[in-house]
Amino acid sequence: MPQIPPVTKALMLICTALFCVQLLFGYWVEVLFALWPLGSDPFMPWQLITYAFLHGSMGHLFFNMLGLWMFGSELESIWGRTRYLQFLGASALVGGLIQLVVVSLGVPGGGPTLGASGALFGLLMAFGMMFPERTIMPLFPPIPMKAKVFVMVFGGIELLFGLVGGGGVAHFAHLGGMLGGWLMMRYWRGQPPFPPRKRRR
């Protein structure tokens, strides 16, 4: 398992501290900082980022922080702090936007959205693009698979559950996070739909 670099460690501590605050003042914290549907009274623009710092249960927090540690630590070490934060922000933002669009189209899930899962699924996408042949042993199911297969399997599962309705989980926020991560990687690489990056002489 990787060492925990500073930004990843800080994010894990912030999310854990905010979860403790939620236990004390959950209603007001979620009204102000969870992501509410467009047109609802509690919706505010800053919620497109702040929702990623809140979590709905101890299990939700634990698995998101575990994933942030497992995948984010190595990526932060490669990218550096600034690029790492840019990537997480883009993944969380696109995840939130996709969730808002899907809910506005009438897909079930009109309550608040919260959790770092959108940003985490962006990290999964980046990990699969950077290390496609790396073997991963997920907790569920405990079957070793290549990183590129892991990303495709979990993306497919999220899409399926999102279409059939997945028990109050914001599956389209997860898919949006993957989309945001994919777009950010393509932008950095100068690949379509973005123009080629000019090389420095």
N, C-alpha and C. Protein backbone atom coordinates (compact mmCIF):
# COMPACT_ATOMS: atom_id res chain seq x y z
N MET A 1 0.84 -1.19 0.00
CA MET A 1 0.00 0.00 0.00
C MET A 1 0.88 1.24 0.00
N PRO A 2 0.48 2.31 -0.69
CA PRO A 2 1.33 3.49 -0.82
C PRO A 2 1.34 4.34 0.46
N GLN A 3 2.41 5.13 0.60
CA GLN A 3 2.42 6.15 1.64
C GLN A 3 1.35 7.19 1.32
N ILE A 4 0.92 7.92 2.33
CA ILE A 4 -0.13 8.92 2.12
C ILE A 4 0.53 10.28 1.95
N PRO A 5 0.52 10.84 0.72
CA PRO A 5 1.12 12.17 0.50
C PRO A 5 0.24 13.27 1.10
N PRO A 6 0.75 14.50 1.18
CA PRO A 6 0.09 15.54 1.99
C PRO A 6 -1.33 15.91 1.59
N VAL A 7 -1.60 16.09 0.30
CA VAL A 7 -2.95 16.51 -0.10
C VAL A 7 -3.96 15.40 0.17
N THR A 8 -3.60 14.17 -0.16
CA THR A 8 -4.50 13.05 0.11
C THR A 8 -4.76 12.93 1.60
N LYS A 9 -3.72 13.06 2.41
CA LYS A 9 -3.89 13.00 3.86
C LYS A 9 -4.79 14.12 4.35
N ALA A 10 -4.59 15.33 3.85
CA ALA A 10 -5.41 16.46 4.26
C ALA A 10 -6.87 16.25 3.90
N LEU A 11 -7.13 15.74 2.68
CA LEU A 11 -8.50 15.50 2.26
C LEU A 11 -9.17 14.43 3.12
N MET A 12 -8.43 13.38 3.45
CA MET A 12 -8.98 12.33 4.32
C MET A 12 -9.33 12.89 5.69
N LEU A 13 -8.47 13.75 6.23
CA LEU A 13 -8.73 14.34 7.54
C LEU A 13 -9.92 15.31 7.48
N ILE A 14 -10.00 16.10 6.41
CA ILE A 14 -11.11 17.05 6.27
C ILE A 14 -12.44 16.32 6.17
N CYS A 15 -12.50 15.29 5.34
CA CYS A 15 -13.74 14.53 5.18
C CYS A 15 -14.14 13.86 6.48
N THR A 16 -13.16 13.33 7.22
CA THR A 16 -13.47 12.68 8.50
C THR A 16 -13.96 13.70 9.51
N ALA A 17 -13.31 14.88 9.57
CA ALA A 17 -13.73 15.92 10.50
C ALA A 17 -15.13 16.41 10.17
N LEU A 18 -15.42 16.60 8.88
CA LEU A 18 -16.75 17.07 8.49
C LEU A 18 -17.82 16.02 8.77
N PHE A 19 -17.45 14.75 8.68
CA PHE A 19 -18.42 13.71 9.03
C PHE A 19 -18.78 13.80 10.51
N CYS A 20 -17.79 14.09 11.35
CA CYS A 20 -18.07 14.29 12.78
C CYS A 20 -18.98 15.50 12.99
N VAL A 21 -18.75 16.56 12.21
CA VAL A 21 -19.63 17.73 12.30
C VAL A 21 -21.04 17.36 11.85
N GLN A 22 -21.14 16.52 10.82
CA GLN A 22 -22.46 16.08 10.36
C GLN A 22 -23.21 15.33 11.45
N LEU A 23 -22.49 14.55 12.25
CA LEU A 23 -23.15 13.81 13.32
C LEU A 23 -23.78 14.75 14.34
N LEU A 24 -23.20 15.94 14.49
CA LEU A 24 -23.71 16.91 15.45
C LEU A 24 -24.75 17.84 14.84
N PHE A 25 -24.50 18.28 13.60
CA PHE A 25 -25.36 19.30 12.96
C PHE A 25 -25.75 18.85 11.55
N GLY A 26 -26.11 17.59 11.42
CA GLY A 26 -26.31 16.99 10.10
C GLY A 26 -27.28 17.73 9.21
N TYR A 27 -28.43 18.13 9.76
CA TYR A 27 -29.46 18.76 8.94
C TYR A 27 -28.94 20.04 8.29
N TRP A 28 -28.36 20.93 9.09
CA TRP A 28 -27.94 22.22 8.56
C TRP A 28 -26.72 22.08 7.66
N VAL A 29 -25.83 21.17 7.97
CA VAL A 29 -24.66 20.96 7.12
C VAL A 29 -25.10 20.48 5.74
N GLU A 30 -26.04 19.53 5.71
CA GLU A 30 -26.48 18.99 4.42
C GLU A 30 -27.32 20.00 3.64
N VAL A 31 -28.12 20.80 4.33
CA VAL A 31 -28.90 21.83 3.63
C VAL A 31 -27.98 22.82 2.94
N LEU A 32 -26.88 23.17 3.58
CA LEU A 32 -25.98 24.18 3.04
C LEU A 32 -24.98 23.63 2.03
N PHE A 33 -24.50 22.39 2.23
CA PHE A 33 -23.33 21.94 1.48
C PHE A 33 -23.53 20.66 0.67
N ALA A 34 -24.59 19.90 0.89
CA ALA A 34 -24.89 18.78 0.00
C ALA A 34 -25.41 19.34 -1.33
N LEU A 35 -25.40 18.52 -2.36
CA LEU A 35 -25.83 18.97 -3.69
C LEU A 35 -27.32 18.68 -3.86
N TRP A 36 -28.12 19.76 -3.91
CA TRP A 36 -29.56 19.63 -4.06
C TRP A 36 -29.96 19.85 -5.52
N PRO A 37 -31.10 19.29 -5.93
CA PRO A 37 -31.52 19.41 -7.34
C PRO A 37 -31.74 20.86 -7.75
N LEU A 38 -31.52 21.13 -9.03
CA LEU A 38 -31.80 22.45 -9.58
C LEU A 38 -33.26 22.82 -9.36
N GLY A 39 -33.49 24.07 -8.99
CA GLY A 39 -34.84 24.53 -8.78
C GLY A 39 -35.36 24.33 -7.37
N SER A 40 -34.67 23.53 -6.56
CA SER A 40 -35.08 23.35 -5.18
C SER A 40 -34.57 24.52 -4.35
N ASP A 41 -35.24 24.80 -3.26
CA ASP A 41 -34.87 25.95 -2.42
C ASP A 41 -33.45 25.84 -1.86
N PRO A 42 -32.99 24.67 -1.44
CA PRO A 42 -31.65 24.62 -0.83
C PRO A 42 -30.50 24.73 -1.84
N PHE A 43 -30.75 24.62 -3.15
CA PHE A 43 -29.65 24.56 -4.11
C PHE A 43 -28.85 25.86 -4.11
N MET A 44 -27.52 25.71 -4.07
CA MET A 44 -26.59 26.81 -4.20
C MET A 44 -25.43 26.37 -5.09
N PRO A 45 -24.84 27.26 -5.89
CA PRO A 45 -23.78 26.85 -6.83
C PRO A 45 -22.58 26.19 -6.17
N TRP A 46 -22.20 26.65 -4.96
CA TRP A 46 -21.01 26.07 -4.33
C TRP A 46 -21.17 24.59 -3.99
N GLN A 47 -22.42 24.12 -3.97
CA GLN A 47 -22.66 22.71 -3.64
C GLN A 47 -22.08 21.75 -4.67
N LEU A 48 -21.78 22.25 -5.89
CA LEU A 48 -21.18 21.41 -6.92
C LEU A 48 -19.78 20.93 -6.52
N ILE A 49 -19.16 21.56 -5.54
CA ILE A 49 -17.88 21.12 -5.01
C ILE A 49 -18.01 20.62 -3.58
N THR A 50 -18.77 21.34 -2.75
CA THR A 50 -18.80 20.99 -1.33
C THR A 50 -19.44 19.63 -1.05
N TYR A 51 -20.32 19.16 -1.95
CA TYR A 51 -20.97 17.87 -1.72
C TYR A 51 -19.96 16.74 -1.60
N ALA A 52 -18.80 16.91 -2.25
CA ALA A 52 -17.80 15.84 -2.27
C ALA A 52 -17.12 15.65 -0.92
N PHE A 53 -17.27 16.59 0.00
CA PHE A 53 -16.63 16.49 1.31
C PHE A 53 -17.54 15.88 2.37
N LEU A 54 -18.80 15.63 2.02
CA LEU A 54 -19.77 15.08 2.98
C LEU A 54 -20.04 13.62 2.68
N HIS A 55 -20.46 12.87 3.70
CA HIS A 55 -20.75 11.45 3.52
C HIS A 55 -21.97 11.06 4.33
N GLY A 56 -22.67 10.03 3.84
CA GLY A 56 -23.94 9.66 4.43
C GLY A 56 -23.86 8.66 5.55
N SER A 57 -22.73 7.96 5.69
CA SER A 57 -22.61 6.95 6.75
C SER A 57 -21.14 6.66 6.98
N MET A 58 -20.85 5.94 8.05
CA MET A 58 -19.48 5.56 8.34
C MET A 58 -18.91 4.66 7.24
N GLY A 59 -19.72 3.74 6.73
CA GLY A 59 -19.27 2.87 5.66
C GLY A 59 -18.97 3.65 4.39
N HIS A 60 -19.84 4.60 4.06
CA HIS A 60 -19.64 5.46 2.89
C HIS A 60 -18.31 6.20 3.00
N LEU A 61 -18.05 6.78 4.17
CA LEU A 61 -16.80 7.50 4.40
C LEU A 61 -15.61 6.55 4.31
N PHE A 62 -15.70 5.40 4.95
CA PHE A 62 -14.57 4.48 5.00
C PHE A 62 -14.14 4.02 3.61
N PHE A 63 -15.09 3.58 2.81
CA PHE A 63 -14.71 3.05 1.49
C PHE A 63 -14.23 4.15 0.55
N ASN A 64 -14.79 5.35 0.66
CA ASN A 64 -14.29 6.44 -0.17
C ASN A 64 -12.87 6.85 0.22
N MET A 65 -12.61 6.89 1.53
CA MET A 65 -11.26 7.26 1.98
C MET A 65 -10.26 6.15 1.66
N LEU A 66 -10.70 4.90 1.72
CA LEU A 66 -9.83 3.79 1.32
C LEU A 66 -9.46 3.90 -0.15
N GLY A 67 -10.43 4.19 -1.00
CA GLY A 67 -10.15 4.36 -2.42
C GLY A 67 -9.27 5.57 -2.70
N LEU A 68 -9.51 6.65 -1.96
CA LEU A 68 -8.68 7.84 -2.13
C LEU A 68 -7.23 7.54 -1.77
N TRP A 69 -7.02 6.78 -0.72
CA TRP A 69 -5.68 6.37 -0.32
C TRP A 69 -5.04 5.46 -1.37
N MET A 70 -5.78 4.44 -1.80
CA MET A 70 -5.21 3.44 -2.70
C MET A 70 -4.84 4.02 -4.06
N PHE A 71 -5.70 4.85 -4.62
CA PHE A 71 -5.48 5.35 -5.98
C PHE A 71 -4.95 6.78 -6.00
N GLY A 72 -5.42 7.60 -5.08
CA GLY A 72 -5.00 8.99 -5.08
C GLY A 72 -3.56 9.19 -4.66
N SER A 73 -3.07 8.35 -3.75
CA SER A 73 -1.71 8.54 -3.23
C SER A 73 -0.67 8.47 -4.34
N GLU A 74 -0.77 7.45 -5.18
CA GLU A 74 0.20 7.30 -6.25
C GLU A 74 0.06 8.40 -7.29
N LEU A 75 -1.17 8.76 -7.61
CA LEU A 75 -1.37 9.80 -8.62
C LEU A 75 -0.89 11.16 -8.12
N GLU A 76 -1.11 11.46 -6.85
CA GLU A 76 -0.60 12.71 -6.30
C GLU A 76 0.93 12.74 -6.36
N SER A 77 1.56 11.60 -6.06
CA SER A 77 3.02 11.53 -6.09
C SER A 77 3.57 11.78 -7.50
N ILE A 78 2.80 11.37 -8.52
CA ILE A 78 3.24 11.55 -9.91
C ILE A 78 2.94 12.96 -10.40
N TRP A 79 1.74 13.46 -10.12
CA TRP A 79 1.29 14.73 -10.67
C TRP A 79 1.77 15.94 -9.88
N GLY A 80 1.93 15.79 -8.59
CA GLY A 80 2.15 16.95 -7.74
C GLY A 80 0.84 17.48 -7.20
N ARG A 81 0.93 18.38 -6.23
CA ARG A 81 -0.25 18.83 -5.51
C ARG A 81 -1.23 19.61 -6.39
N THR A 82 -0.71 20.54 -7.19
CA THR A 82 -1.60 21.40 -7.95
C THR A 82 -2.40 20.62 -8.98
N ARG A 83 -1.72 19.81 -9.77
CA ARG A 83 -2.43 19.05 -10.80
C ARG A 83 -3.39 18.05 -10.18
N TYR A 84 -2.99 17.47 -9.08
CA TYR A 84 -3.84 16.50 -8.38
C TYR A 84 -5.14 17.17 -7.92
N LEU A 85 -5.05 18.34 -7.33
CA LEU A 85 -6.24 19.06 -6.89
C LEU A 85 -7.10 19.49 -8.07
N GLN A 86 -6.46 19.91 -9.17
CA GLN A 86 -7.22 20.26 -10.36
C GLN A 86 -8.01 19.07 -10.86
N PHE A 87 -7.39 17.92 -10.86
CA PHE A 87 -8.05 16.71 -11.35
C PHE A 87 -9.23 16.33 -10.46
N LEU A 88 -9.03 16.34 -9.15
CA LEU A 88 -10.12 16.00 -8.24
C LEU A 88 -11.27 16.99 -8.37
N GLY A 89 -10.94 18.28 -8.50
CA GLY A 89 -11.97 19.29 -8.66
C GLY A 89 -12.78 19.09 -9.93
N ALA A 90 -12.09 18.79 -11.03
CA ALA A 90 -12.79 18.57 -12.30
C ALA A 90 -13.70 17.34 -12.22
N SER A 91 -13.22 16.27 -11.62
CA SER A 91 -14.02 15.05 -11.50
C SER A 91 -15.25 15.28 -10.64
N ALA A 92 -15.07 15.94 -9.51
CA ALA A 92 -16.21 16.20 -8.63
C ALA A 92 -17.20 17.14 -9.30
N LEU A 93 -16.70 18.16 -9.99
CA LEU A 93 -17.58 19.14 -10.65
C LEU A 93 -18.41 18.49 -11.75
N VAL A 94 -17.77 17.73 -12.62
CA VAL A 94 -18.52 17.07 -13.71
C VAL A 94 -19.48 16.03 -13.13
N GLY A 95 -19.04 15.33 -12.10
CA GLY A 95 -19.94 14.38 -11.45
C GLY A 95 -21.20 15.05 -10.92
N GLY A 96 -21.03 16.21 -10.28
CA GLY A 96 -22.17 16.94 -9.78
C GLY A 96 -23.07 17.47 -10.89
N LEU A 97 -22.46 17.97 -11.95
CA LEU A 97 -23.25 18.49 -13.08
C LEU A 97 -24.07 17.39 -13.74
N ILE A 98 -23.46 16.23 -13.96
CA ILE A 98 -24.19 15.12 -14.57
C ILE A 98 -25.34 14.68 -13.68
N GLN A 99 -25.10 14.64 -12.38
CA GLN A 99 -26.16 14.25 -11.46
C GLN A 99 -27.32 15.25 -11.52
N LEU A 100 -27.03 16.54 -11.58
CA LEU A 100 -28.09 17.54 -11.68
C LEU A 100 -28.89 17.39 -12.97
N VAL A 101 -28.19 17.15 -14.07
CA VAL A 101 -28.87 17.00 -15.35
C VAL A 101 -29.77 15.78 -15.35
N VAL A 102 -29.26 14.67 -14.85
CA VAL A 102 -30.04 13.42 -14.84
C VAL A 102 -31.28 13.56 -13.97
N VAL A 103 -31.10 14.16 -12.79
CA VAL A 103 -32.25 14.33 -11.89
C VAL A 103 -33.28 15.28 -12.52
N SER A 104 -32.81 16.33 -13.21
CA SER A 104 -33.75 17.26 -13.83
C SER A 104 -34.53 16.61 -14.97
N LEU A 105 -34.00 15.52 -15.54
CA LEU A 105 -34.70 14.79 -16.60
C LEU A 105 -35.71 13.79 -16.05
N GLY A 106 -35.79 13.69 -14.73
CA GLY A 106 -36.81 12.84 -14.13
C GLY A 106 -36.32 11.50 -13.65
N VAL A 107 -35.02 11.23 -13.73
CA VAL A 107 -34.49 9.98 -13.19
C VAL A 107 -34.58 10.04 -11.68
N PRO A 108 -35.03 8.96 -11.01
CA PRO A 108 -35.16 8.99 -9.54
C PRO A 108 -33.84 9.38 -8.87
N GLY A 109 -33.96 10.10 -7.76
CA GLY A 109 -32.78 10.55 -7.03
C GLY A 109 -32.85 12.03 -6.75
N GLY A 110 -34.05 12.51 -6.37
CA GLY A 110 -34.25 13.93 -6.20
C GLY A 110 -33.78 14.50 -4.89
N GLY A 111 -33.26 13.64 -4.00
CA GLY A 111 -32.75 14.13 -2.73
C GLY A 111 -31.35 14.70 -2.88
N PRO A 112 -30.73 15.05 -1.77
CA PRO A 112 -29.37 15.61 -1.84
C PRO A 112 -28.35 14.55 -2.22
N THR A 113 -27.32 14.98 -2.93
CA THR A 113 -26.19 14.11 -3.29
C THR A 113 -24.99 14.51 -2.44
N LEU A 114 -24.30 13.52 -1.91
CA LEU A 114 -23.12 13.81 -1.12
C LEU A 114 -22.15 12.65 -1.19
N GLY A 115 -20.86 12.97 -1.05
CA GLY A 115 -19.82 11.95 -1.05
C GLY A 115 -18.73 12.22 -2.08
N ALA A 116 -17.56 11.71 -1.79
CA ALA A 116 -16.40 11.89 -2.66
C ALA A 116 -16.33 10.87 -3.79
N SER A 117 -17.40 10.10 -3.97
CA SER A 117 -17.36 9.01 -4.95
C SER A 117 -17.14 9.49 -6.37
N GLY A 118 -17.71 10.65 -6.74
CA GLY A 118 -17.49 11.16 -8.10
C GLY A 118 -16.03 11.43 -8.36
N ALA A 119 -15.36 12.11 -7.41
CA ALA A 119 -13.93 12.36 -7.55
C ALA A 119 -13.15 11.06 -7.53
N LEU A 120 -13.57 10.11 -6.71
CA LEU A 120 -12.88 8.82 -6.62
C LEU A 120 -12.98 8.05 -7.93
N PHE A 121 -14.16 8.06 -8.57
CA PHE A 121 -14.31 7.37 -9.84
C PHE A 121 -13.49 8.06 -10.93
N GLY A 122 -13.29 9.37 -10.81
CA GLY A 122 -12.36 10.04 -11.71
C GLY A 122 -10.95 9.51 -11.53
N LEU A 123 -10.53 9.30 -10.28
CA LEU A 123 -9.21 8.73 -10.01
C LEU A 123 -9.09 7.32 -10.57
N LEU A 124 -10.15 6.54 -10.46
CA LEU A 124 -10.13 5.18 -11.04
C LEU A 124 -9.90 5.25 -12.55
N MET A 125 -10.59 6.18 -13.20
CA MET A 125 -10.41 6.33 -14.64
C MET A 125 -8.98 6.70 -14.98
N ALA A 126 -8.41 7.65 -14.25
CA ALA A 126 -7.03 8.07 -14.50
C ALA A 126 -6.06 6.93 -14.25
N PHE A 127 -6.28 6.18 -13.19
CA PHE A 127 -5.40 5.05 -12.86
C PHE A 127 -5.44 4.02 -13.97
N GLY A 128 -6.65 3.72 -14.47
CA GLY A 128 -6.77 2.76 -15.56
C GLY A 128 -6.13 3.24 -16.84
N MET A 129 -6.15 4.55 -17.10
CA MET A 129 -5.54 5.10 -18.31
C MET A 129 -4.01 5.14 -18.20
N MET A 130 -3.50 5.37 -17.00
CA MET A 130 -2.06 5.49 -16.81
C MET A 130 -1.38 4.13 -16.60
N PHE A 131 -2.10 3.21 -15.95
CA PHE A 131 -1.52 1.91 -15.63
C PHE A 131 -2.48 0.80 -16.07
N PRO A 132 -2.78 0.70 -17.36
CA PRO A 132 -3.82 -0.23 -17.80
C PRO A 132 -3.51 -1.70 -17.49
N GLU A 133 -2.22 -2.06 -17.43
CA GLU A 133 -1.86 -3.46 -17.21
C GLU A 133 -1.60 -3.78 -15.74
N ARG A 134 -1.71 -2.80 -14.86
CA ARG A 134 -1.49 -3.03 -13.43
C ARG A 134 -2.59 -3.93 -12.88
N THR A 135 -2.24 -4.94 -12.11
CA THR A 135 -3.23 -5.84 -11.53
C THR A 135 -3.78 -5.25 -10.24
N ILE A 136 -5.11 -5.24 -10.11
CA ILE A 136 -5.81 -4.73 -8.95
C ILE A 136 -6.61 -5.86 -8.32
N MET A 137 -6.60 -5.91 -6.99
CA MET A 137 -7.43 -6.87 -6.27
C MET A 137 -8.52 -6.10 -5.52
N PRO A 138 -9.70 -5.95 -6.11
CA PRO A 138 -10.78 -5.21 -5.43
C PRO A 138 -11.32 -6.01 -4.25
N LEU A 139 -11.96 -5.28 -3.33
CA LEU A 139 -12.60 -5.95 -2.19
C LEU A 139 -13.83 -6.73 -2.64
N PHE A 140 -14.59 -6.14 -3.56
CA PHE A 140 -15.82 -6.77 -4.07
C PHE A 140 -15.85 -6.66 -5.58
N PRO A 141 -15.74 -7.77 -6.32
CA PRO A 141 -15.43 -9.11 -5.85
C PRO A 141 -13.92 -9.26 -5.68
N PRO A 142 -13.45 -10.16 -4.80
CA PRO A 142 -12.01 -10.33 -4.58
C PRO A 142 -11.35 -11.15 -5.69
N ILE A 143 -11.40 -10.60 -6.90
CA ILE A 143 -10.85 -11.27 -8.08
C ILE A 143 -9.82 -10.35 -8.71
N PRO A 144 -8.57 -10.81 -8.87
CA PRO A 144 -7.56 -9.94 -9.50
C PRO A 144 -7.93 -9.64 -10.95
N MET A 145 -7.74 -8.38 -11.36
CA MET A 145 -8.02 -7.99 -12.73
C MET A 145 -7.13 -6.82 -13.12
N LYS A 146 -6.92 -6.68 -14.41
CA LYS A 146 -6.14 -5.54 -14.91
C LYS A 146 -6.88 -4.24 -14.61
N ALA A 147 -6.12 -3.17 -14.44
CA ALA A 147 -6.75 -1.89 -14.11
C ALA A 147 -7.74 -1.45 -15.19
N LYS A 148 -7.40 -1.68 -16.47
CA LYS A 148 -8.31 -1.27 -17.54
C LYS A 148 -9.61 -2.06 -17.49
N VAL A 149 -9.53 -3.34 -17.11
CA VAL A 149 -10.74 -4.16 -16.97
C VAL A 149 -11.54 -3.71 -15.75
N PHE A 150 -10.84 -3.43 -14.68
CA PHE A 150 -11.48 -2.95 -13.45
C PHE A 150 -12.32 -1.70 -13.72
N VAL A 151 -11.76 -0.76 -14.47
CA VAL A 151 -12.48 0.48 -14.78
C VAL A 151 -13.71 0.18 -15.63
N MET A 152 -13.57 -0.66 -16.64
CA MET A 152 -14.70 -0.98 -17.51
C MET A 152 -15.80 -1.72 -16.75
N VAL A 153 -15.41 -2.65 -15.88
CA VAL A 153 -16.40 -3.43 -15.12
C VAL A 153 -17.18 -2.52 -14.19
N PHE A 154 -16.48 -1.68 -13.43
CA PHE A 154 -17.18 -0.83 -12.48
C PHE A 154 -17.96 0.27 -13.19
N GLY A 155 -17.48 0.77 -14.31
CA GLY A 155 -18.25 1.72 -15.09
C GLY A 155 -19.54 1.09 -15.60
N GLY A 156 -19.45 -0.15 -16.09
CA GLY A 156 -20.64 -0.84 -16.57
C GLY A 156 -21.64 -1.11 -15.46
N ILE A 157 -21.15 -1.49 -14.28
CA ILE A 157 -22.04 -1.72 -13.15
C ILE A 157 -22.76 -0.44 -12.75
N GLU A 158 -22.03 0.68 -12.71
CA GLU A 158 -22.64 1.95 -12.34
C GLU A 158 -23.71 2.35 -13.36
N LEU A 159 -23.43 2.15 -14.64
CA LEU A 159 -24.41 2.48 -15.66
C LEU A 159 -25.66 1.62 -15.52
N LEU A 160 -25.48 0.32 -15.29
CA LEU A 160 -26.62 -0.58 -15.13
C LEU A 160 -27.46 -0.19 -13.93
N PHE A 161 -26.83 0.02 -12.79
CA PHE A 161 -27.58 0.38 -11.59
C PHE A 161 -28.23 1.75 -11.74
N GLY A 162 -27.55 2.66 -12.45
CA GLY A 162 -28.14 3.97 -12.67
C GLY A 162 -29.40 3.90 -13.50
N LEU A 163 -29.43 3.02 -14.50
CA LEU A 163 -30.59 2.90 -15.38
C LEU A 163 -31.77 2.21 -14.71
N VAL A 164 -31.45 1.21 -13.86
CA VAL A 164 -32.54 0.46 -13.22
C VAL A 164 -32.93 1.04 -11.87
N GLY A 165 -32.12 1.96 -11.35
CA GLY A 165 -32.40 2.53 -10.04
C GLY A 165 -31.67 1.77 -8.97
N GLY A 166 -30.70 2.41 -8.36
CA GLY A 166 -29.79 1.69 -7.46
C GLY A 166 -29.90 2.05 -6.01
N GLY A 167 -31.08 2.06 -5.42
CA GLY A 167 -31.22 2.17 -3.98
C GLY A 167 -30.70 3.46 -3.37
N GLY A 168 -30.97 4.58 -4.00
CA GLY A 168 -30.59 5.85 -3.41
C GLY A 168 -29.14 6.24 -3.61
N VAL A 169 -28.40 5.49 -4.41
CA VAL A 169 -26.99 5.83 -4.69
C VAL A 169 -26.93 6.68 -5.95
N ALA A 170 -26.10 7.72 -5.93
CA ALA A 170 -26.00 8.64 -7.08
C ALA A 170 -25.05 8.05 -8.13
N HIS A 171 -25.52 7.03 -8.84
CA HIS A 171 -24.66 6.33 -9.80
C HIS A 171 -24.23 7.24 -10.94
N PHE A 172 -25.07 8.17 -11.33
CA PHE A 172 -24.69 9.05 -12.43
C PHE A 172 -23.67 10.09 -12.01
N ALA A 173 -23.60 10.39 -10.72
CA ALA A 173 -22.50 11.22 -10.23
C ALA A 173 -21.18 10.47 -10.34
N HIS A 174 -21.21 9.16 -10.10
CA HIS A 174 -20.01 8.34 -10.26
C HIS A 174 -19.58 8.32 -11.73
N LEU A 175 -20.54 8.10 -12.61
CA LEU A 175 -20.24 8.09 -14.04
C LEU A 175 -19.75 9.47 -14.50
N GLY A 176 -20.36 10.53 -13.97
CA GLY A 176 -19.91 11.87 -14.30
C GLY A 176 -18.49 12.12 -13.84
N GLY A 177 -18.14 11.58 -12.67
CA GLY A 177 -16.77 11.69 -12.20
C GLY A 177 -15.79 10.99 -13.12
N MET A 178 -16.18 9.83 -13.63
CA MET A 178 -15.34 9.13 -14.59
C MET A 178 -15.19 9.94 -15.87
N LEU A 179 -16.29 10.54 -16.32
CA LEU A 179 -16.25 11.38 -17.51
C LEU A 179 -15.33 12.58 -17.29
N GLY A 180 -15.47 13.23 -16.14
CA GLY A 180 -14.61 14.37 -15.84
C GLY A 180 -13.14 13.98 -15.80
N GLY A 181 -12.84 12.82 -15.21
CA GLY A 181 -11.46 12.35 -15.18
C GLY A 181 -10.93 12.04 -16.57
N TRP A 182 -11.77 11.41 -17.39
CA TRP A 182 -11.36 11.09 -18.76
C TRP A 182 -11.09 12.36 -19.56
N LEU A 183 -11.98 13.35 -19.43
CA LEU A 183 -11.79 14.60 -20.15
C LEU A 183 -10.52 15.32 -19.69
N MET A 184 -10.24 15.30 -18.40
CA MET A 184 -9.05 15.97 -17.89
C MET A 184 -7.79 15.29 -18.42
N MET A 185 -7.79 13.96 -18.44
CA MET A 185 -6.63 13.24 -18.98
C MET A 185 -6.45 13.55 -20.46
N ARG A 186 -7.52 13.60 -21.21
CA ARG A 186 -7.44 13.90 -22.64
C ARG A 186 -6.94 15.33 -22.87
N TYR A 187 -7.39 16.25 -22.02
CA TYR A 187 -6.94 17.63 -22.14
C TYR A 187 -5.45 17.74 -21.88
N TRP A 188 -4.97 17.10 -20.83
CA TRP A 188 -3.55 17.15 -20.51
C TRP A 188 -2.71 16.52 -21.62
N ARG A 189 -3.24 15.51 -22.27
CA ARG A 189 -2.50 14.81 -23.32
C ARG A 189 -2.66 15.45 -24.69
N GLY A 190 -3.51 16.47 -24.79
CA GLY A 190 -3.74 17.11 -26.07
C GLY A 190 -4.43 16.20 -27.07
N GLN A 191 -5.40 15.42 -26.59
CA GLN A 191 -6.13 14.47 -27.42
C GLN A 191 -7.57 14.94 -27.61
N PRO A 192 -8.22 14.55 -28.73
CA PRO A 192 -9.61 14.95 -28.96
C PRO A 192 -10.48 14.58 -27.76
N PRO A 193 -11.46 15.44 -27.44
CA PRO A 193 -12.00 16.57 -28.20
C PRO A 193 -11.24 17.88 -28.01
N PHE A 194 -10.04 17.83 -27.47
CA PHE A 194 -9.25 19.04 -27.21
C PHE A 194 -8.16 19.19 -28.26
N PRO A 195 -7.74 20.43 -28.53
CA PRO A 195 -6.67 20.64 -29.51
C PRO A 195 -5.34 20.11 -28.98
N PRO A 196 -4.41 19.78 -29.88
CA PRO A 196 -3.10 19.29 -29.45
C PRO A 196 -2.38 20.33 -28.60
N ARG A 197 -1.68 19.86 -27.58
CA ARG A 197 -0.90 20.76 -26.73
C ARG A 197 0.40 21.13 -27.45
N LYS A 198 0.77 22.39 -27.38
CA LYS A 198 2.03 22.82 -27.99
C LYS A 198 3.19 22.40 -27.11
N ARG A 199 4.19 21.82 -27.73
CA ARG A 199 5.36 21.38 -26.99
C ARG A 199 6.29 22.57 -26.75
N ARG A 200 6.83 22.58 -25.56
CA ARG A 200 7.80 23.64 -25.21
C ARG A 200 9.15 23.32 -25.84
N ARG A 201 9.77 24.34 -26.39
CA ARG A 201 11.09 24.15 -26.99
C ARG A 201 12.19 24.33 -25.93
